[in-house]
Amino acid sequence: MNTSDCAQQWIAAGRAAMAHEAESISGAAGRLDRNFCEAIRLILRHSGKIVVTGLGKSGHIARKIGATMCSTGTPAVYLHPTEAAHGDLGVCSPGDPILFLSKSGTTRELLDLTRGLRDTGSPLIGILGNSASPLAMRMDAVLDASVSREADPANVAPTASAAVALALGDALSITLMQARNFTVEDFQRRHPGGFLGAGLRLKVREAMHAGDEVPYVRPEDSLKQVVIAMTVHPLGAACVLTSGGRLAGLITDGDLRRAMQKHDDIRMLCAAAVMTASPVTVAPETRLLDALRLMEDRPSQISVLPVVAPESGLCLGLLRLHDIYQAAGIPRRSARPLLSE
């Protein structure tokens, strides 16, 4: 079998696995019932944290669910069921909801853990692959994480079952997030570092190029004048402004190349002839993460955005894709003052 045939088989196998997991998750979504509502109610009723537990692969999923809950407004900790029997059960305060993850629902360590929690008043919630299992019988609410089969041909590796358990945990986290009116600002406060935190915290005005850093031209300027301006200020684009300072259009490096490809003699061309007349723009108070989505979540990605004041329509500067990444933790080329300074 040649390499091309192997590649096609591998792609087909990968797609089949992903399609089966997606179908399994869809099936679990269709089975959500009053138990899901009861689980949400039990968690919201308690003002403290939620404890998440599971063993093996279920333990890995439990850790991820706990991390998602922490970042979306529901304090959570992971409890290893074996360590719980040797002192770590002390992490559970009276009344803390306990979220159990298990595919079989017969894991001895988890069953033993329920006995230790019997007198604490903690509600027990299960994301279980077997709703008729011994562990399910001890739960106050059970989310059905069963699957018809795993995604691998031998039906042994916890793949589809793990995906369903994680999806159910995400469903809990997101529903709790909405029930608590958890906002983007709340999310940002829990993510002060890294690209995500910076993208939510910083605004376009804090990363954009403004003033003398930006190549500005007029619609009637020659293409030579445009090239000179973009060479002096190499930001990958030039803003074409009206006499009143409003944005008339945008000329990118790509526009210049296309103009030279289309015209044998470019000496008679002016900025208005090659500019994009209605470019995508961004406001200075837009979050950097939203600006990034504006650039990338489109059929044809863009790497530079004119910054326009929404009230006056005045062009304030340019924001490049590189500026977003640079502002989000990578040392800036130079410290630029904010527009308000």
C-alpha atoms as a PDB file:
ATOM      1  CA  MET A   1       0.000   0.000   0.000  1.00  0.00           C
ATOM      2  CA  ASN A   2       1.497   3.336  -1.013  1.00  0.00           C
ATOM      3  CA  THR A   3       1.775   6.405   1.168  1.00  0.00           C
ATOM      4  CA  SER A   4      -1.203   8.088  -0.481  1.00  0.00           C
ATOM      5  CA  ASP A   5      -3.479   5.130   0.251  1.00  0.00           C
ATOM      6  CA  CYS A   6      -2.254   5.032   3.863  1.00  0.00           C
ATOM      7  CA  ALA A   7      -2.932   8.744   4.271  1.00  0.00           C
ATOM      8  CA  GLN A   8      -6.499   8.337   3.045  1.00  0.00           C
ATOM      9  CA  GLN A   9      -7.092   5.424   5.422  1.00  0.00           C
ATOM     10  CA  TRP A  10      -5.641   7.352   8.341  1.00  0.00           C
ATOM     11  CA  ILE A  11      -7.794  10.397   7.607  1.00  0.00           C
ATOM     12  CA  ALA A  12     -10.862   8.180   7.290  1.00  0.00           C
ATOM     13  CA  ALA A  13     -10.076   6.475  10.615  1.00  0.00           C
ATOM     14  CA  GLY A  14      -9.597   9.814  12.338  1.00  0.00           C
ATOM     15  CA  ARG A  15     -12.821  11.217  10.954  1.00  0.00           C
ATOM     16  CA  ALA A  16     -14.736   8.100  11.943  1.00  0.00           C
ATOM     17  CA  ALA A  17     -13.459   8.321  15.522  1.00  0.00           C
ATOM     18  CA  MET A  18     -14.374  11.990  15.794  1.00  0.00           C
ATOM     19  CA  ALA A  19     -17.787  11.440  14.214  1.00  0.00           C
ATOM     20  CA  HIS A  20     -18.531   8.619  16.655  1.00  0.00           C
ATOM     21  CA  GLU A  21     -17.552  10.752  19.636  1.00  0.00           C
ATOM     22  CA  ALA A  22     -19.676  13.637  18.347  1.00  0.00           C
ATOM     23  CA  GLU A  23     -22.631  11.264  17.936  1.00  0.00           C
ATOM     24  CA  SER A  24     -22.091   9.951  21.478  1.00  0.00           C
ATOM     25  CA  ILE A  25     -22.079  13.473  22.898  1.00  0.00           C
ATOM     26  CA  SER A  26     -25.221  14.329  20.954  1.00  0.00           C
ATOM     27  CA  GLY A  27     -26.925  11.253  22.395  1.00  0.00           C
ATOM     28  CA  ALA A  28     -25.962  12.260  25.933  1.00  0.00           C
ATOM     29  CA  ALA A  29     -27.306  15.760  25.329  1.00  0.00           C
ATOM     30  CA  GLY A  30     -30.630  14.274  24.309  1.00  0.00           C
ATOM     31  CA  ARG A  31     -30.788  12.290  27.556  1.00  0.00           C
ATOM     32  CA  LEU A  32     -30.475  15.317  29.849  1.00  0.00           C
ATOM     33  CA  ASP A  33     -33.439  15.299  32.219  1.00  0.00           C
ATOM     34  CA  ARG A  34     -34.543  16.341  35.689  1.00  0.00           C
ATOM     35  CA  ASN A  35     -31.354  14.833  37.112  1.00  0.00           C
ATOM     36  CA  PHE A  36     -29.383  17.575  35.383  1.00  0.00           C
ATOM     37  CA  CYS A  37     -31.644  20.240  36.893  1.00  0.00           C
ATOM     38  CA  GLU A  38     -31.315  18.581  40.301  1.00  0.00           C
ATOM     39  CA  ALA A  39     -27.519  18.572  40.005  1.00  0.00           C
ATOM     40  CA  ILE A  40     -27.531  22.301  39.197  1.00  0.00           C
ATOM     41  CA  ARG A  41     -29.895  22.989  42.102  1.00  0.00           C
ATOM     42  CA  LEU A  42     -27.765  21.024  44.567  1.00  0.00           C
ATOM     43  CA  ILE A  43     -24.620  22.902  43.545  1.00  0.00           C
ATOM     44  CA  LEU A  44     -26.248  26.344  43.592  1.00  0.00           C
ATOM     45  CA  ARG A  45     -27.776  25.677  47.012  1.00  0.00           C
ATOM     46  CA  HIS A  46     -24.304  25.436  48.539  1.00  0.00           C
ATOM     47  CA  SER A  47     -22.228  28.614  48.817  1.00  0.00           C
ATOM     48  CA  GLY A  48     -18.915  26.799  49.095  1.00  0.00           C
ATOM     49  CA  LYS A  49     -16.877  24.695  46.730  1.00  0.00           C
ATOM     50  CA  ILE A  50     -17.613  21.528  44.801  1.00  0.00           C
ATOM     51  CA  VAL A  51     -15.359  18.476  45.135  1.00  0.00           C
ATOM     52  CA  VAL A  52     -14.699  16.466  41.964  1.00  0.00           C
ATOM     53  CA  THR A  53     -13.385  12.913  42.104  1.00  0.00           C
ATOM     54  CA  GLY A  54     -12.624   9.984  39.841  1.00  0.00           C
ATOM     55  CA  LEU A  55      -9.952   7.335  39.336  1.00  0.00           C
ATOM     56  CA  GLY A  56      -7.798   6.536  36.304  1.00  0.00           C
ATOM     57  CA  LYS A  57      -8.970   8.134  33.069  1.00  0.00           C
ATOM     58  CA  SER A  58     -12.078   9.360  34.870  1.00  0.00           C
ATOM     59  CA  GLY A  59      -9.745  11.091  37.307  1.00  0.00           C
ATOM     60  CA  HIS A  60      -8.068  12.990  34.479  1.00  0.00           C
ATOM     61  CA  ILE A  61     -11.460  14.118  33.194  1.00  0.00           C
ATOM     62  CA  ALA A  62     -12.485  15.074  36.734  1.00  0.00           C
ATOM     63  CA  ARG A  63      -9.433  17.322  37.072  1.00  0.00           C
ATOM     64  CA  LYS A  64     -10.312  19.079  33.822  1.00  0.00           C
ATOM     65  CA  ILE A  65     -13.933  19.580  34.867  1.00  0.00           C
ATOM     66  CA  GLY A  66     -12.784  21.033  38.183  1.00  0.00           C
ATOM     67  CA  ALA A  67     -10.437  23.432  36.394  1.00  0.00           C
ATOM     68  CA  THR A  68     -13.232  24.575  34.079  1.00  0.00           C
ATOM     69  CA  MET A  69     -15.551  25.141  37.028  1.00  0.00           C
ATOM     70  CA  CYS A  70     -12.930  27.212  38.836  1.00  0.00           C
ATOM     71  CA  SER A  71     -12.499  29.481  35.836  1.00  0.00           C
ATOM     72  CA  THR A  72     -16.233  29.948  35.298  1.00  0.00           C
ATOM     73  CA  GLY A  73     -17.404  30.909  38.764  1.00  0.00           C
ATOM     74  CA  THR A  74     -17.767  27.590  40.624  1.00  0.00           C
ATOM     75  CA  PRO A  75     -14.896  26.947  43.070  1.00  0.00           C
ATOM     76  CA  ALA A  76     -13.832  23.311  42.746  1.00  0.00           C
ATOM     77  CA  VAL A  77     -11.080  20.997  43.951  1.00  0.00           C
ATOM     78  CA  TYR A  78     -10.056  17.534  42.807  1.00  0.00           C
ATOM     79  CA  LEU A  79      -9.985  14.746  45.394  1.00  0.00           C
ATOM     80  CA  HIS A  80      -8.087  11.546  44.630  1.00  0.00           C
ATOM     81  CA  PRO A  81     -10.331   8.749  45.935  1.00  0.00           C
ATOM     82  CA  THR A  82      -7.434   6.638  47.203  1.00  0.00           C
ATOM     83  CA  GLU A  83      -5.766   9.540  49.005  1.00  0.00           C
ATOM     84  CA  ALA A  84      -9.162  10.422  50.501  1.00  0.00           C
ATOM     85  CA  ALA A  85      -8.983   7.249  52.567  1.00  0.00           C
ATOM     86  CA  HIS A  86      -5.633   8.376  53.995  1.00  0.00           C
ATOM     87  CA  GLY A  87      -6.460  11.834  55.262  1.00  0.00           C
ATOM     88  CA  ASP A  88      -7.360  13.882  52.195  1.00  0.00           C
ATOM     89  CA  LEU A  89     -11.060  13.479  52.938  1.00  0.00           C
ATOM     90  CA  GLY A  90     -10.484  16.480  55.183  1.00  0.00           C
ATOM     91  CA  VAL A  91     -10.660  18.711  52.103  1.00  0.00           C
ATOM     92  CA  CYS A  92     -14.434  18.136  52.097  1.00  0.00           C
ATOM     93  CA  SER A  93     -16.364  20.608  54.205  1.00  0.00           C
ATOM     94  CA  PRO A  94     -19.857  19.694  55.416  1.00  0.00           C
ATOM     95  CA  GLY A  95     -22.361  20.217  52.631  1.00  0.00           C
ATOM     96  CA  ASP A  96     -19.842  20.387  49.793  1.00  0.00           C
ATOM     97  CA  PRO A  97     -21.418  18.810  46.692  1.00  0.00           C
ATOM     98  CA  ILE A  98     -19.310  15.872  45.501  1.00  0.00           C
ATOM     99  CA  LEU A  99     -19.162  15.113  41.769  1.00  0.00           C
ATOM    100  CA  PHE A 100     -18.230  11.471  41.006  1.00  0.00           C
ATOM    101  CA  LEU A 101     -16.955  10.367  37.599  1.00  0.00           C
ATOM    102  CA  SER A 102     -16.893   6.699  36.667  1.00  0.00           C
ATOM    103  CA  LYS A 103     -17.545   4.711  33.523  1.00  0.00           C
ATOM    104  CA  SER A 104     -18.460   1.454  35.258  1.00  0.00           C
ATOM    105  CA  GLY A 105     -19.939   2.800  38.470  1.00  0.00           C
ATOM    106  CA  THR A 106     -18.309  -0.100  40.324  1.00  0.00           C
ATOM    107  CA  THR A 107     -14.945   1.431  41.286  1.00  0.00           C
ATOM    108  CA  ARG A 108     -14.249   0.226  44.824  1.00  0.00           C
ATOM    109  CA  GLU A 109     -12.417   3.378  45.899  1.00  0.00           C
ATOM    110  CA  LEU A 110     -15.357   5.553  44.886  1.00  0.00           C
ATOM    111  CA  LEU A 111     -17.856   3.304  46.636  1.00  0.00           C
ATOM    112  CA  ASP A 112     -15.738   3.472  49.800  1.00  0.00           C
ATOM    113  CA  LEU A 113     -15.610   7.254  49.487  1.00  0.00           C
ATOM    114  CA  THR A 114     -19.406   7.506  49.549  1.00  0.00           C
ATOM    115  CA  ARG A 115     -19.401   5.782  52.932  1.00  0.00           C
ATOM    116  CA  GLY A 116     -16.990   8.357  54.304  1.00  0.00           C
ATOM    117  CA  LEU A 117     -19.242  11.161  53.104  1.00  0.00           C
ATOM    118  CA  ARG A 118     -22.493   9.685  54.401  1.00  0.00           C
ATOM    119  CA  ASP A 119     -22.645  11.830  57.544  1.00  0.00           C
ATOM    120  CA  THR A 120     -21.360  15.123  56.102  1.00  0.00           C
ATOM    121  CA  GLY A 121     -24.603  16.237  54.487  1.00  0.00           C
ATOM    122  CA  SER A 122     -22.865  16.498  51.124  1.00  0.00           C
ATOM    123  CA  PRO A 123     -25.080  15.910  48.076  1.00  0.00           C
ATOM    124  CA  LEU A 124     -23.616  13.303  45.736  1.00  0.00           C
ATOM    125  CA  ILE A 125     -23.763  13.814  41.954  1.00  0.00           C
ATOM    126  CA  GLY A 126     -22.580  11.259  39.434  1.00  0.00           C
ATOM    127  CA  ILE A 127     -21.437  11.465  35.826  1.00  0.00           C
ATOM    128  CA  LEU A 128     -21.639   7.742  35.258  1.00  0.00           C
ATOM    129  CA  GLY A 129     -21.449   5.378  32.330  1.00  0.00           C
ATOM    130  CA  ASN A 130     -23.862   2.970  34.026  1.00  0.00           C
ATOM    131  CA  SER A 131     -27.001   4.459  35.558  1.00  0.00           C
ATOM    132  CA  ALA A 132     -27.918   1.132  37.163  1.00  0.00           C
ATOM    133  CA  SER A 133     -24.555   0.608  38.863  1.00  0.00           C
ATOM    134  CA  PRO A 134     -23.923   0.341  42.629  1.00  0.00           C
ATOM    135  CA  LEU A 135     -22.422   3.836  42.607  1.00  0.00           C
ATOM    136  CA  ALA A 136     -25.450   5.265  40.812  1.00  0.00           C
ATOM    137  CA  MET A 137     -27.704   3.886  43.554  1.00  0.00           C
ATOM    138  CA  ARG A 138     -25.882   6.079  46.088  1.00  0.00           C
ATOM    139  CA  MET A 139     -26.159   9.331  44.128  1.00  0.00           C
ATOM    140  CA  ASP A 140     -28.660  12.141  44.631  1.00  0.00           C
ATOM    141  CA  ALA A 141     -28.505  12.926  40.905  1.00  0.00           C
ATOM    142  CA  VAL A 142     -27.037  10.912  38.028  1.00  0.00           C
ATOM    143  CA  LEU A 143     -26.037  12.244  34.611  1.00  0.00           C
ATOM    144  CA  ASP A 144     -26.107   9.445  32.064  1.00  0.00           C
ATOM    145  CA  ALA A 145     -22.684   9.210  30.394  1.00  0.00           C
ATOM    146  CA  SER A 146     -23.248   5.838  28.753  1.00  0.00           C
ATOM    147  CA  VAL A 147     -22.054   5.130  25.206  1.00  0.00           C
ATOM    148  CA  SER A 148     -22.975   2.360  22.770  1.00  0.00           C
ATOM    149  CA  ARG A 149     -19.301   1.636  22.198  1.00  0.00           C
ATOM    150  CA  GLU A 150     -15.914   3.315  22.328  1.00  0.00           C
ATOM    151  CA  ALA A 151     -14.385   4.963  19.270  1.00  0.00           C
ATOM    152  CA  ASP A 152     -11.577   2.431  18.811  1.00  0.00           C
ATOM    153  CA  PRO A 153     -12.168  -0.727  16.747  1.00  0.00           C
ATOM    154  CA  ALA A 154     -11.534  -3.011  19.726  1.00  0.00           C
ATOM    155  CA  ASN A 155     -14.031  -1.093  21.896  1.00  0.00           C
ATOM    156  CA  VAL A 156     -11.635  -1.000  24.847  1.00  0.00           C
ATOM    157  CA  ALA A 157      -9.992   2.435  25.083  1.00  0.00           C
ATOM    158  CA  PRO A 158     -12.032   5.038  27.043  1.00  0.00           C
ATOM    159  CA  THR A 159     -12.467   7.481  24.179  1.00  0.00           C
ATOM    160  CA  ALA A 160     -16.135   8.152  23.455  1.00  0.00           C
ATOM    161  CA  SER A 161     -16.976   7.613  27.121  1.00  0.00           C
ATOM    162  CA  ALA A 162     -14.315  10.113  28.185  1.00  0.00           C
ATOM    163  CA  ALA A 163     -15.546  12.655  25.632  1.00  0.00           C
ATOM    164  CA  VAL A 164     -19.123  12.314  26.874  1.00  0.00           C
ATOM    165  CA  ALA A 165     -18.093  12.661  30.535  1.00  0.00           C
ATOM    166  CA  LEU A 166     -16.097  15.794  29.741  1.00  0.00           C
ATOM    167  CA  ALA A 167     -18.976  17.256  27.727  1.00  0.00           C
ATOM    168  CA  LEU A 168     -21.385  16.668  30.599  1.00  0.00           C
ATOM    169  CA  GLY A 169     -18.957  18.389  32.959  1.00  0.00           C
ATOM    170  CA  ASP A 170     -18.764  21.323  30.563  1.00  0.00           C
ATOM    171  CA  ALA A 171     -22.570  21.399  30.400  1.00  0.00           C
ATOM    172  CA  LEU A 172     -22.696  21.669  34.190  1.00  0.00           C
ATOM    173  CA  SER A 173     -20.027  24.397  34.239  1.00  0.00           C
ATOM    174  CA  ILE A 174     -21.656  26.511  31.540  1.00  0.00           C
ATOM    175  CA  THR A 175     -25.142  26.180  33.014  1.00  0.00           C
ATOM    176  CA  LEU A 176     -23.817  27.190  36.440  1.00  0.00           C
ATOM    177  CA  MET A 177     -21.992  30.066  34.787  1.00  0.00           C
ATOM    178  CA  GLN A 178     -25.243  31.344  33.304  1.00  0.00           C
ATOM    179  CA  ALA A 179     -27.238  30.729  36.481  1.00  0.00           C
ATOM    180  CA  ARG A 180     -24.734  32.848  38.425  1.00  0.00           C
ATOM    181  CA  ASN A 181     -24.724  35.612  35.781  1.00  0.00           C
ATOM    182  CA  PHE A 182     -20.987  35.105  35.416  1.00  0.00           C
ATOM    183  CA  THR A 183     -19.697  37.831  33.076  1.00  0.00           C
ATOM    184  CA  VAL A 184     -16.713  38.261  30.794  1.00  0.00           C
ATOM    185  CA  GLU A 185     -15.264  40.623  33.396  1.00  0.00           C
ATOM    186  CA  ASP A 186     -15.585  37.889  36.032  1.00  0.00           C
ATOM    187  CA  PHE A 187     -13.862  35.458  33.675  1.00  0.00           C
ATOM    188  CA  GLN A 188     -11.030  37.896  33.051  1.00  0.00           C
ATOM    189  CA  ARG A 189     -10.403  38.352  36.778  1.00  0.00           C
ATOM    190  CA  ARG A 190      -9.781  34.617  37.001  1.00  0.00           C
ATOM    191  CA  HIS A 191      -7.359  34.742  34.064  1.00  0.00           C
ATOM    192  CA  PRO A 192      -4.989  37.636  34.817  1.00  0.00           C
ATOM    193  CA  GLY A 193      -2.055  36.019  32.997  1.00  0.00           C
ATOM    194  CA  GLY A 194      -1.309  34.535  29.612  1.00  0.00           C
ATOM    195  CA  PHE A 195      -2.711  35.403  26.212  1.00  0.00           C
ATOM    196  CA  LEU A 196      -6.336  34.829  27.188  1.00  0.00           C
ATOM    197  CA  GLY A 197      -6.078  37.105  30.212  1.00  0.00           C
ATOM    198  CA  ALA A 198      -4.336  39.852  28.279  1.00  0.00           C
ATOM    199  CA  GLY A 199      -6.774  39.520  25.392  1.00  0.00           C
ATOM    200  CA  LEU A 200      -9.704  40.074  27.726  1.00  0.00           C
ATOM    201  CA  ARG A 201      -8.022  42.753  29.843  1.00  0.00           C
ATOM    202  CA  LEU A 202      -6.341  44.913  27.212  1.00  0.00           C
ATOM    203  CA  LYS A 203      -8.133  47.151  24.752  1.00  0.00           C
ATOM    204  CA  VAL A 204      -7.259  48.004  21.165  1.00  0.00           C
ATOM    205  CA  ARG A 205      -6.142  51.491  22.206  1.00  0.00           C
ATOM    206  CA  GLU A 206      -3.408  49.925  24.344  1.00  0.00           C
ATOM    207  CA  ALA A 207      -1.794  48.035  21.464  1.00  0.00           C
ATOM    208  CA  MET A 208      -2.586  50.070  18.343  1.00  0.00           C
ATOM    209  CA  HIS A 209      -0.243  52.310  16.372  1.00  0.00           C
ATOM    210  CA  ALA A 210      -1.299  55.940  16.330  1.00  0.00           C
ATOM    211  CA  GLY A 211      -0.081  59.399  15.401  1.00  0.00           C
ATOM    212  CA  ASP A 212       3.203  59.632  13.503  1.00  0.00           C
ATOM    213  CA  GLU A 213       3.635  55.841  13.565  1.00  0.00           C
ATOM    214  CA  VAL A 214       0.883  55.333  10.980  1.00  0.00           C
ATOM    215  CA  PRO A 215       1.148  55.884   7.207  1.00  0.00           C
ATOM    216  CA  TYR A 216      -1.683  58.235   6.243  1.00  0.00           C
ATOM    217  CA  VAL A 217      -2.391  59.189   2.631  1.00  0.00           C
ATOM    218  CA  ARG A 218      -5.102  61.059   0.736  1.00  0.00           C
ATOM    219  CA  PRO A 219      -7.333  59.546  -1.955  1.00  0.00           C
ATOM    220  CA  GLU A 220      -5.679  61.664  -4.642  1.00  0.00           C
ATOM    221  CA  ASP A 221      -2.093  60.773  -3.671  1.00  0.00           C
ATOM    222  CA  SER A 222      -0.108  58.890  -6.281  1.00  0.00           C
ATOM    223  CA  LEU A 223       0.787  55.261  -5.823  1.00  0.00           C
ATOM    224  CA  LYS A 224       4.416  56.333  -5.479  1.00  0.00           C
ATOM    225  CA  GLN A 225       3.458  58.515  -2.514  1.00  0.00           C
ATOM    226  CA  VAL A 226       1.583  55.568  -1.005  1.00  0.00           C
ATOM    227  CA  VAL A 227       4.612  53.295  -1.372  1.00  0.00           C
ATOM    228  CA  ILE A 228       6.886  55.931   0.206  1.00  0.00           C
ATOM    229  CA  ALA A 229       4.515  56.367   3.171  1.00  0.00           C
ATOM    230  CA  MET A 230       4.278  52.607   3.703  1.00  0.00           C
ATOM    231  CA  THR A 231       8.070  52.315   3.471  1.00  0.00           C
ATOM    232  CA  VAL A 232       8.659  55.036   6.057  1.00  0.00           C
ATOM    233  CA  HIS A 233       6.026  53.486   8.344  1.00  0.00           C
ATOM    234  CA  PRO A 234       6.154  49.723   7.591  1.00  0.00           C
ATOM    235  CA  LEU A 235       2.946  48.508   9.220  1.00  0.00           C
ATOM    236  CA  GLY A 236       1.694  46.547   6.231  1.00  0.00           C
ATOM    237  CA  ALA A 237      -1.035  49.028   5.322  1.00  0.00           C
ATOM    238  CA  ALA A 238      -1.830  52.707   4.835  1.00  0.00           C
ATOM    239  CA  CYS A 239      -4.984  54.523   5.906  1.00  0.00           C
ATOM    240  CA  VAL A 240      -6.576  56.658   3.202  1.00  0.00           C
ATOM    241  CA  LEU A 241      -8.154  59.684   4.872  1.00  0.00           C
ATOM    242  CA  THR A 242     -10.558  62.387   3.776  1.00  0.00           C
ATOM    243  CA  SER A 243      -9.700  66.008   4.449  1.00  0.00           C
ATOM    244  CA  GLY A 244     -11.680  65.749   7.675  1.00  0.00           C
ATOM    245  CA  GLY A 245      -9.684  62.801   8.983  1.00  0.00           C
ATOM    246  CA  ARG A 246     -12.306  60.152   8.303  1.00  0.00           C
ATOM    247  CA  LEU A 247     -11.334  56.794   6.871  1.00  0.00           C
ATOM    248  CA  ALA A 248     -11.924  56.654   3.127  1.00  0.00           C
ATOM    249  CA  GLY A 249     -10.224  53.315   2.609  1.00  0.00           C
ATOM    250  CA  LEU A 250      -7.273  51.054   3.347  1.00  0.00           C
ATOM    251  CA  ILE A 251      -4.337  50.025   1.179  1.00  0.00           C
ATOM    252  CA  THR A 252      -2.431  46.912   2.165  1.00  0.00           C
ATOM    253  CA  ASP A 253       0.793  45.408   0.848  1.00  0.00           C
ATOM    254  CA  GLY A 254      -1.395  42.922  -0.997  1.00  0.00           C
ATOM    255  CA  ASP A 255      -3.327  45.736  -2.691  1.00  0.00           C
ATOM    256  CA  LEU A 256      -0.048  47.155  -4.002  1.00  0.00           C
ATOM    257  CA  ARG A 257       1.053  43.799  -5.397  1.00  0.00           C
ATOM    258  CA  ARG A 258      -2.281  43.250  -7.073  1.00  0.00           C
ATOM    259  CA  ALA A 259      -2.181  46.735  -8.606  1.00  0.00           C
ATOM    260  CA  MET A 260       1.275  46.101 -10.084  1.00  0.00           C
ATOM    261  CA  GLN A 261       0.132  42.719 -11.362  1.00  0.00           C
ATOM    262  CA  LYS A 262      -2.925  44.233 -13.034  1.00  0.00           C
ATOM    263  CA  HIS A 263      -1.368  47.389 -14.508  1.00  0.00           C
ATOM    264  CA  ASP A 264       1.740  47.579 -16.667  1.00  0.00           C
ATOM    265  CA  ASP A 265       2.092  51.286 -15.902  1.00  0.00           C
ATOM    266  CA  ILE A 266       1.206  52.291 -12.336  1.00  0.00           C
ATOM    267  CA  ARG A 267       2.456  55.878 -12.556  1.00  0.00           C
ATOM    268  CA  MET A 268      -1.026  57.251 -13.194  1.00  0.00           C
ATOM    269  CA  LEU A 269      -2.712  55.341 -10.378  1.00  0.00           C
ATOM    270  CA  CYS A 270      -3.830  57.118  -7.234  1.00  0.00           C
ATOM    271  CA  ALA A 271      -4.661  55.822  -3.762  1.00  0.00           C
ATOM    272  CA  ALA A 272      -8.403  55.834  -4.415  1.00  0.00           C
ATOM    273  CA  ALA A 273      -7.927  53.513  -7.395  1.00  0.00           C
ATOM    274  CA  VAL A 274      -6.330  50.688  -5.401  1.00  0.00           C
ATOM    275  CA  MET A 275      -7.753  51.073  -1.890  1.00  0.00           C
ATOM    276  CA  THR A 276     -10.417  48.939  -0.259  1.00  0.00           C
ATOM    277  CA  ALA A 277     -13.207  51.468   0.160  1.00  0.00           C
ATOM    278  CA  SER A 278     -15.085  49.798   3.026  1.00  0.00           C
ATOM    279  CA  PRO A 279     -12.488  47.952   5.110  1.00  0.00           C
ATOM    280  CA  VAL A 280     -13.242  46.104   8.315  1.00  0.00           C
ATOM    281  CA  THR A 281     -12.564  48.470  11.227  1.00  0.00           C
ATOM    282  CA  VAL A 282     -12.359  48.234  14.988  1.00  0.00           C
ATOM    283  CA  ALA A 283     -13.137  50.664  17.811  1.00  0.00           C
ATOM    284  CA  PRO A 284     -10.423  51.680  20.305  1.00  0.00           C
ATOM    285  CA  GLU A 285     -12.344  50.289  23.309  1.00  0.00           C
ATOM    286  CA  THR A 286     -12.716  46.823  21.762  1.00  0.00           C
ATOM    287  CA  ARG A 287     -11.032  44.006  23.685  1.00  0.00           C
ATOM    288  CA  LEU A 288      -7.962  42.607  21.973  1.00  0.00           C
ATOM    289  CA  LEU A 289      -9.478  39.122  22.017  1.00  0.00           C
ATOM    290  CA  ASP A 290     -12.521  40.408  20.114  1.00  0.00           C
ATOM    291  CA  ALA A 291     -10.253  42.205  17.647  1.00  0.00           C
ATOM    292  CA  LEU A 292      -8.359  38.957  17.082  1.00  0.00           C
ATOM    293  CA  ARG A 293     -11.616  37.136  16.366  1.00  0.00           C
ATOM    294  CA  LEU A 294     -12.592  39.910  13.968  1.00  0.00           C
ATOM    295  CA  MET A 295      -9.360  39.284  12.068  1.00  0.00           C
ATOM    296  CA  GLU A 296      -9.336  35.499  12.097  1.00  0.00           C
ATOM    297  CA  ASP A 297     -12.955  34.274  12.236  1.00  0.00           C
ATOM    298  CA  ARG A 298     -13.681  34.947   8.589  1.00  0.00           C
ATOM    299  CA  PRO A 299     -13.262  33.094   5.275  1.00  0.00           C
ATOM    300  CA  SER A 300     -10.339  35.344   4.310  1.00  0.00           C
ATOM    301  CA  GLN A 301      -8.209  36.322   7.298  1.00  0.00           C
ATOM    302  CA  ILE A 302      -6.836  39.837   7.659  1.00  0.00           C
ATOM    303  CA  SER A 303      -3.740  40.982   9.512  1.00  0.00           C
ATOM    304  CA  VAL A 304      -4.373  44.697  10.027  1.00  0.00           C
ATOM    305  CA  LEU A 305      -7.383  46.750  11.138  1.00  0.00           C
ATOM    306  CA  PRO A 306      -7.943  50.502  10.953  1.00  0.00           C
ATOM    307  CA  VAL A 307      -9.007  51.872  14.331  1.00  0.00           C
ATOM    308  CA  VAL A 308     -11.972  54.212  14.007  1.00  0.00           C
ATOM    309  CA  ALA A 309     -13.773  56.231  16.679  1.00  0.00           C
ATOM    310  CA  PRO A 310     -17.403  55.035  16.609  1.00  0.00           C
ATOM    311  CA  GLU A 311     -18.903  58.433  17.477  1.00  0.00           C
ATOM    312  CA  SER A 312     -16.957  60.714  15.146  1.00  0.00           C
ATOM    313  CA  GLY A 313     -15.826  58.243  12.499  1.00  0.00           C
ATOM    314  CA  LEU A 314     -12.287  59.658  12.734  1.00  0.00           C
ATOM    315  CA  CYS A 315      -9.428  57.287  11.959  1.00  0.00           C
ATOM    316  CA  LEU A 316      -7.245  56.913  15.035  1.00  0.00           C
ATOM    317  CA  GLY A 317      -4.626  54.447  13.846  1.00  0.00           C
ATOM    318  CA  LEU A 318      -3.851  50.860  12.886  1.00  0.00           C
ATOM    319  CA  LEU A 319      -3.841  47.569  14.774  1.00  0.00           C
ATOM    320  CA  ARG A 320      -1.843  44.638  13.430  1.00  0.00           C
ATOM    321  CA  LEU A 321      -2.206  40.974  14.283  1.00  0.00           C
ATOM    322  CA  HIS A 322       1.385  41.103  15.498  1.00  0.00           C
ATOM    323  CA  ASP A 323       0.492  43.922  17.911  1.00  0.00           C
ATOM    324  CA  ILE A 324      -2.138  41.740  19.591  1.00  0.00           C
ATOM    325  CA  TYR A 325       0.284  38.913  20.266  1.00  0.00           C
ATOM    326  CA  GLN A 326       3.004  41.334  21.294  1.00  0.00           C
ATOM    327  CA  ALA A 327       0.718  43.068  23.796  1.00  0.00           C
ATOM    328  CA  ALA A 328      -0.340  39.735  25.292  1.00  0.00           C
ATOM    329  CA  GLY A 329       2.857  39.046  27.200  1.00  0.00           C
ATOM    330  CA  ILE A 330       5.546  39.300  24.536  1.00  0.00           C
ATOM    331  CA  PRO A 331       7.810  42.345  25.123  1.00  0.00           C
ATOM    332  CA  ARG A 332       6.595  45.328  23.187  1.00  0.00           C
ATOM    333  CA  ARG A 333       8.942  46.850  20.604  1.00  0.00           C
ATOM    334  CA  SER A 334       8.514  50.200  22.277  1.00  0.00           C
ATOM    335  CA  ALA A 335       6.381  51.568  25.061  1.00  0.00           C
ATOM    336  CA  ARG A 336       3.579  53.607  23.548  1.00  0.00           C
ATOM    337  CA  PRO A 337       1.348  55.822  25.709  1.00  0.00           C
ATOM    338  CA  LEU A 338      -2.378  55.201  25.786  1.00  0.00           C
ATOM    339  CA  LEU A 339      -4.611  57.556  23.844  1.00  0.00           C
ATOM    340  CA  SER A 340      -5.987  58.890  27.115  1.00  0.00           C
ATOM    341  CA  GLU A 341      -2.538  59.918  28.334  1.00  0.00           C
END
